[in-house]
Amino acid sequence: MLLAQFQTTGRDLFNLGLAASGTGNLSVRLGERIIITRRGCSLNCLEEPDLIETGLERNDRATPLASTELSVHRAIYLATRASAIVHAHPPHATALSLAACEIVPADSEGYATIGTVPVLSQETRPEALAREIARALTDHRIVTVSGHGSYATGQLLEEALSYTTLLEASARINCLLRSLKVGSYPQV
């Protein structure tokens, strides 16, 4: 059942253009353990060997196979009540993250559901960035890292995926509004 959740979420991210082959990662927390996608795997065709189980706070034999984003996932789980994380590379949201310090959805559904989305600097050292992402996710459902992508949390992978797709939909609307130069909508 867990494999099916990973497969569905991974396929959806890939099919929606929110993760290219070999990018993005997914994880769930199971008590003091984490199931996270394997380093470099393609989310559109996940199989059992692509799911790596490792410790929440400790490395073990499987840790070297885990996604390179493992430290970020660990920091998020330790700082929040999340049980699932989706890290994606939504193109419109990533583009907006290069031009602003936050993404403010202009559409009512986006704003009501995800609110203002912080954009964190990728210039920060990796350990500090992991803590900064985790800290931001204590107050937000999703955050972006400038030029890198988004991190969404939820109780299920499906919930974190929903926030990711909503961020990208709102970012597309914001990009369209900017291209139209509509003055009554907030600029990011």
C-alpha atoms as a PDB file:
ATOM      1  CA  MET A   1       0.000   0.000   0.000  1.00  0.00           C
ATOM      2  CA  LEU A   2       2.819   2.414   0.834  1.00  0.00           C
ATOM      3  CA  LEU A   3       4.528   1.637  -2.472  1.00  0.00           C
ATOM      4  CA  ALA A   4       1.285   2.443  -4.312  1.00  0.00           C
ATOM      5  CA  GLN A   5       1.099   5.861  -2.596  1.00  0.00           C
ATOM      6  CA  PHE A   6       4.661   6.652  -3.624  1.00  0.00           C
ATOM      7  CA  GLN A   7       4.012   5.427  -7.181  1.00  0.00           C
ATOM      8  CA  THR A   8       0.841   7.477  -7.617  1.00  0.00           C
ATOM      9  CA  THR A   9       2.418  10.644  -6.216  1.00  0.00           C
ATOM     10  CA  GLY A  10       5.609  10.214  -8.231  1.00  0.00           C
ATOM     11  CA  ARG A  11       3.725   9.546 -11.458  1.00  0.00           C
ATOM     12  CA  ASP A  12       1.488  12.569 -10.893  1.00  0.00           C
ATOM     13  CA  LEU A  13       4.469  14.858 -10.254  1.00  0.00           C
ATOM     14  CA  PHE A  14       6.194  13.616 -13.404  1.00  0.00           C
ATOM     15  CA  ASN A  15       3.082  13.718 -15.606  1.00  0.00           C
ATOM     16  CA  LEU A  16       2.243  17.248 -14.459  1.00  0.00           C
ATOM     17  CA  GLY A  17       5.763  18.432 -15.259  1.00  0.00           C
ATOM     18  CA  LEU A  18       6.593  19.128 -11.606  1.00  0.00           C
ATOM     19  CA  ALA A  19       9.574  16.762 -11.518  1.00  0.00           C
ATOM     20  CA  ALA A  20      11.806  15.783 -14.416  1.00  0.00           C
ATOM     21  CA  SER A  21      13.414  12.366 -14.665  1.00  0.00           C
ATOM     22  CA  GLY A  22      15.741  11.863 -11.706  1.00  0.00           C
ATOM     23  CA  THR A  23      14.618  15.001  -9.841  1.00  0.00           C
ATOM     24  CA  GLY A  24      12.431  15.553  -6.817  1.00  0.00           C
ATOM     25  CA  ASN A  25      11.904  13.213  -3.890  1.00  0.00           C
ATOM     26  CA  LEU A  26       9.206  11.897  -1.589  1.00  0.00           C
ATOM     27  CA  SER A  27       9.200  10.655   1.969  1.00  0.00           C
ATOM     28  CA  VAL A  28       6.942   9.514   4.777  1.00  0.00           C
ATOM     29  CA  ARG A  29       7.660   9.313   8.461  1.00  0.00           C
ATOM     30  CA  LEU A  30       6.902   6.112  10.349  1.00  0.00           C
ATOM     31  CA  GLY A  31       7.710   6.799  13.991  1.00  0.00           C
ATOM     32  CA  GLU A  32      11.494   7.016  14.284  1.00  0.00           C
ATOM     33  CA  ARG A  33      12.013   5.806  10.710  1.00  0.00           C
ATOM     34  CA  ILE A  34      11.729   7.495   7.312  1.00  0.00           C
ATOM     35  CA  ILE A  35      10.882   5.940   3.970  1.00  0.00           C
ATOM     36  CA  ILE A  36      12.443   8.165   1.292  1.00  0.00           C
ATOM     37  CA  THR A  37      13.012   7.783  -2.408  1.00  0.00           C
ATOM     38  CA  ARG A  38      16.388   6.518  -3.575  1.00  0.00           C
ATOM     39  CA  ARG A  39      19.093   8.881  -4.739  1.00  0.00           C
ATOM     40  CA  GLY A  40      18.650   9.699  -8.449  1.00  0.00           C
ATOM     41  CA  CYS A  41      15.570   7.558  -9.030  1.00  0.00           C
ATOM     42  CA  SER A  42      12.888   8.615 -11.482  1.00  0.00           C
ATOM     43  CA  LEU A  43       9.625   9.384  -9.696  1.00  0.00           C
ATOM     44  CA  ASN A  44       7.509   8.313 -12.680  1.00  0.00           C
ATOM     45  CA  CYS A  45       8.398   4.615 -12.390  1.00  0.00           C
ATOM     46  CA  LEU A  46       9.066   3.871  -8.716  1.00  0.00           C
ATOM     47  CA  GLU A  47       9.499   0.272  -7.615  1.00  0.00           C
ATOM     48  CA  GLU A  48      10.143  -1.282  -4.200  1.00  0.00           C
ATOM     49  CA  PRO A  49      13.984  -0.930  -4.420  1.00  0.00           C
ATOM     50  CA  ASP A  50      13.505   2.841  -4.956  1.00  0.00           C
ATOM     51  CA  LEU A  51      12.116   3.238  -1.410  1.00  0.00           C
ATOM     52  CA  ILE A  52      14.847   3.483   1.196  1.00  0.00           C
ATOM     53  CA  GLU A  53      14.119   3.040   4.887  1.00  0.00           C
ATOM     54  CA  THR A  54      16.471   4.822   7.255  1.00  0.00           C
ATOM     55  CA  GLY A  55      16.519   6.414  10.686  1.00  0.00           C
ATOM     56  CA  LEU A  56      14.901   9.733  11.487  1.00  0.00           C
ATOM     57  CA  GLU A  57      17.965  10.909  13.382  1.00  0.00           C
ATOM     58  CA  ARG A  58      20.579   8.253  12.667  1.00  0.00           C
ATOM     59  CA  ASN A  59      22.282   6.854   9.634  1.00  0.00           C
ATOM     60  CA  ASP A  60      22.264   3.128   8.993  1.00  0.00           C
ATOM     61  CA  ARG A  61      23.284   0.736   6.216  1.00  0.00           C
ATOM     62  CA  ALA A  62      20.630   2.042   3.795  1.00  0.00           C
ATOM     63  CA  THR A  63      21.376   5.750   4.307  1.00  0.00           C
ATOM     64  CA  PRO A  64      23.932   6.093   1.458  1.00  0.00           C
ATOM     65  CA  LEU A  65      21.206   5.035  -1.011  1.00  0.00           C
ATOM     66  CA  ALA A  66      18.738   7.694   0.188  1.00  0.00           C
ATOM     67  CA  SER A  67      17.997  10.905  -1.654  1.00  0.00           C
ATOM     68  CA  THR A  68      20.597  13.645  -1.351  1.00  0.00           C
ATOM     69  CA  GLU A  69      17.808  15.701   0.270  1.00  0.00           C
ATOM     70  CA  LEU A  70      17.613  13.344   3.272  1.00  0.00           C
ATOM     71  CA  SER A  71      18.988  15.985   5.664  1.00  0.00           C
ATOM     72  CA  VAL A  72      16.217  18.403   4.644  1.00  0.00           C
ATOM     73  CA  HIS A  73      13.517  15.759   5.143  1.00  0.00           C
ATOM     74  CA  ARG A  74      14.944  14.866   8.557  1.00  0.00           C
ATOM     75  CA  ALA A  75      15.019  18.530   9.632  1.00  0.00           C
ATOM     76  CA  ILE A  76      11.415  19.014   8.517  1.00  0.00           C
ATOM     77  CA  TYR A  77      10.174  15.937  10.392  1.00  0.00           C
ATOM     78  CA  LEU A  78      12.015  16.987  13.554  1.00  0.00           C
ATOM     79  CA  ALA A  79      10.574  20.534  13.438  1.00  0.00           C
ATOM     80  CA  THR A  80       6.998  19.847  12.300  1.00  0.00           C
ATOM     81  CA  ARG A  81       4.138  17.419  12.760  1.00  0.00           C
ATOM     82  CA  ALA A  82       4.321  16.367   9.105  1.00  0.00           C
ATOM     83  CA  SER A  83       4.046  12.708   8.173  1.00  0.00           C
ATOM     84  CA  ALA A  84       4.792  13.206   4.454  1.00  0.00           C
ATOM     85  CA  ILE A  85       6.978  15.466   2.316  1.00  0.00           C
ATOM     86  CA  VAL A  86       6.987  16.179  -1.411  1.00  0.00           C
ATOM     87  CA  HIS A  87       9.995  17.975  -2.894  1.00  0.00           C
ATOM     88  CA  ALA A  88       9.359  19.028  -6.491  1.00  0.00           C
ATOM     89  CA  HIS A  89      10.622  21.415  -9.146  1.00  0.00           C
ATOM     90  CA  PRO A  90       7.488  23.219 -10.359  1.00  0.00           C
ATOM     91  CA  PRO A  91       8.691  25.394 -13.268  1.00  0.00           C
ATOM     92  CA  HIS A  92       6.486  28.479 -12.852  1.00  0.00           C
ATOM     93  CA  ALA A  93       6.944  28.595  -9.084  1.00  0.00           C
ATOM     94  CA  THR A  94      10.688  28.103  -9.517  1.00  0.00           C
ATOM     95  CA  ALA A  95      10.813  30.939 -12.063  1.00  0.00           C
ATOM     96  CA  LEU A  96       8.927  33.239  -9.694  1.00  0.00           C
ATOM     97  CA  SER A  97      11.272  32.226  -6.860  1.00  0.00           C
ATOM     98  CA  LEU A  98      14.142  33.797  -8.807  1.00  0.00           C
ATOM     99  CA  ALA A  99      12.354  37.146  -8.900  1.00  0.00           C
ATOM    100  CA  ALA A 100      10.802  37.532  -5.447  1.00  0.00           C
ATOM    101  CA  CYS A 101      11.199  36.840  -1.744  1.00  0.00           C
ATOM    102  CA  GLU A 102       7.690  35.369  -1.534  1.00  0.00           C
ATOM    103  CA  ILE A 103       4.990  34.091  -3.857  1.00  0.00           C
ATOM    104  CA  VAL A 104       1.550  35.535  -3.185  1.00  0.00           C
ATOM    105  CA  PRO A 105      -1.151  33.664  -5.101  1.00  0.00           C
ATOM    106  CA  ALA A 106      -3.425  36.082  -6.973  1.00  0.00           C
ATOM    107  CA  ASP A 107      -6.173  33.462  -7.250  1.00  0.00           C
ATOM    108  CA  SER A 108      -8.590  33.015  -4.377  1.00  0.00           C
ATOM    109  CA  GLU A 109      -8.198  29.229  -4.066  1.00  0.00           C
ATOM    110  CA  GLY A 110      -4.413  29.420  -3.971  1.00  0.00           C
ATOM    111  CA  TYR A 111      -4.366  32.240  -1.471  1.00  0.00           C
ATOM    112  CA  ALA A 112      -7.011  30.644   0.780  1.00  0.00           C
ATOM    113  CA  THR A 113      -5.310  27.235   0.778  1.00  0.00           C
ATOM    114  CA  ILE A 114      -1.565  27.891   0.739  1.00  0.00           C
ATOM    115  CA  GLY A 115      -1.381  31.625   1.505  1.00  0.00           C
ATOM    116  CA  THR A 116       1.870  33.460   1.029  1.00  0.00           C
ATOM    117  CA  VAL A 117       4.703  31.093   0.109  1.00  0.00           C
ATOM    118  CA  PRO A 118       8.170  32.076   1.380  1.00  0.00           C
ATOM    119  CA  VAL A 119      11.128  31.964  -0.983  1.00  0.00           C
ATOM    120  CA  LEU A 120      14.309  30.952   0.826  1.00  0.00           C
ATOM    121  CA  SER A 121      17.796  31.711  -0.413  1.00  0.00           C
ATOM    122  CA  GLN A 122      19.831  28.871  -1.882  1.00  0.00           C
ATOM    123  CA  GLU A 123      22.958  30.798  -0.901  1.00  0.00           C
ATOM    124  CA  THR A 124      22.657  29.481   2.652  1.00  0.00           C
ATOM    125  CA  ARG A 125      24.946  26.581   3.654  1.00  0.00           C
ATOM    126  CA  PRO A 126      23.180  23.215   3.194  1.00  0.00           C
ATOM    127  CA  GLU A 127      22.857  22.431   6.939  1.00  0.00           C
ATOM    128  CA  ALA A 128      21.530  25.902   7.693  1.00  0.00           C
ATOM    129  CA  LEU A 129      19.192  25.788   4.684  1.00  0.00           C
ATOM    130  CA  ALA A 130      17.691  22.507   5.907  1.00  0.00           C
ATOM    131  CA  ARG A 131      16.935  24.147   9.274  1.00  0.00           C
ATOM    132  CA  GLU A 132      15.567  27.277   7.553  1.00  0.00           C
ATOM    133  CA  ILE A 133      13.237  25.193   5.356  1.00  0.00           C
ATOM    134  CA  ALA A 134      12.039  23.248   8.409  1.00  0.00           C
ATOM    135  CA  ARG A 135      11.484  26.446  10.399  1.00  0.00           C
ATOM    136  CA  ALA A 136       9.467  28.008   7.550  1.00  0.00           C
ATOM    137  CA  LEU A 137       7.318  24.874   7.288  1.00  0.00           C
ATOM    138  CA  THR A 138       6.215  25.255  10.905  1.00  0.00           C
ATOM    139  CA  ASP A 139       4.128  28.246   9.727  1.00  0.00           C
ATOM    140  CA  HIS A 140       3.480  27.368   6.055  1.00  0.00           C
ATOM    141  CA  ARG A 141       2.252  24.312   4.156  1.00  0.00           C
ATOM    142  CA  ILE A 142       4.754  24.814   1.355  1.00  0.00           C
ATOM    143  CA  VAL A 143       7.948  26.810   0.785  1.00  0.00           C
ATOM    144  CA  THR A 144      10.253  27.346  -2.164  1.00  0.00           C
ATOM    145  CA  VAL A 145      14.004  27.648  -2.420  1.00  0.00           C
ATOM    146  CA  SER A 146      15.141  30.242  -4.936  1.00  0.00           C
ATOM    147  CA  GLY A 147      15.914  28.592  -8.255  1.00  0.00           C
ATOM    148  CA  HIS A 148      15.583  25.098  -6.800  1.00  0.00           C
ATOM    149  CA  GLY A 149      12.017  24.010  -6.091  1.00  0.00           C
ATOM    150  CA  SER A 150       9.358  23.495  -3.461  1.00  0.00           C
ATOM    151  CA  TYR A 151       8.940  21.499  -0.247  1.00  0.00           C
ATOM    152  CA  ALA A 152       5.408  20.672   0.848  1.00  0.00           C
ATOM    153  CA  THR A 153       4.280  18.837   3.963  1.00  0.00           C
ATOM    154  CA  GLY A 154       1.141  16.930   4.841  1.00  0.00           C
ATOM    155  CA  GLN A 155      -0.164  13.985   6.765  1.00  0.00           C
ATOM    156  CA  LEU A 156      -0.227  11.999   3.512  1.00  0.00           C
ATOM    157  CA  LEU A 157       1.785  12.234   0.299  1.00  0.00           C
ATOM    158  CA  GLU A 158      -1.487  13.079  -1.448  1.00  0.00           C
ATOM    159  CA  GLU A 159      -1.941  16.180   0.738  1.00  0.00           C
ATOM    160  CA  ALA A 160       1.620  17.412   0.128  1.00  0.00           C
ATOM    161  CA  LEU A 161       1.122  16.778  -3.603  1.00  0.00           C
ATOM    162  CA  SER A 162      -2.073  18.842  -3.497  1.00  0.00           C
ATOM    163  CA  TYR A 163      -0.200  21.838  -2.055  1.00  0.00           C
ATOM    164  CA  THR A 164       2.509  21.404  -4.698  1.00  0.00           C
ATOM    165  CA  THR A 165       0.052  21.354  -7.591  1.00  0.00           C
ATOM    166  CA  LEU A 166      -1.847  24.315  -6.152  1.00  0.00           C
ATOM    167  CA  LEU A 167       1.373  26.321  -5.819  1.00  0.00           C
ATOM    168  CA  GLU A 168       2.210  25.646  -9.476  1.00  0.00           C
ATOM    169  CA  ALA A 169      -1.326  26.523 -10.632  1.00  0.00           C
ATOM    170  CA  SER A 170      -1.176  29.800  -8.690  1.00  0.00           C
ATOM    171  CA  ALA A 171       2.309  30.529 -10.021  1.00  0.00           C
ATOM    172  CA  ARG A 172       1.056  30.023 -13.601  1.00  0.00           C
ATOM    173  CA  ILE A 173      -1.752  32.492 -12.949  1.00  0.00           C
ATOM    174  CA  ASN A 174       0.719  34.980 -11.467  1.00  0.00           C
ATOM    175  CA  CYS A 175       3.009  34.590 -14.501  1.00  0.00           C
ATOM    176  CA  LEU A 176       0.078  35.161 -16.864  1.00  0.00           C
ATOM    177  CA  LEU A 177      -0.942  38.260 -14.943  1.00  0.00           C
ATOM    178  CA  ARG A 178       2.599  39.595 -15.045  1.00  0.00           C
ATOM    179  CA  SER A 179       2.775  38.996 -18.798  1.00  0.00           C
ATOM    180  CA  LEU A 180      -0.498  40.895 -19.206  1.00  0.00           C
ATOM    181  CA  LYS A 181       0.827  43.635 -16.929  1.00  0.00           C
ATOM    182  CA  VAL A 182      -2.478  43.731 -15.071  1.00  0.00           C
ATOM    183  CA  GLY A 183      -2.021  46.380 -12.422  1.00  0.00           C
ATOM    184  CA  SER A 184      -4.792  45.372 -10.035  1.00  0.00           C
ATOM    185  CA  TYR A 185      -3.173  42.050  -9.125  1.00  0.00           C
ATOM    186  CA  PRO A 186      -0.267  41.719  -6.694  1.00  0.00           C
ATOM    187  CA  GLN A 187       3.117  41.444  -8.325  1.00  0.00           C
ATOM    188  CA  VAL A 188       5.544  38.928  -6.888  1.00  0.00           C
END
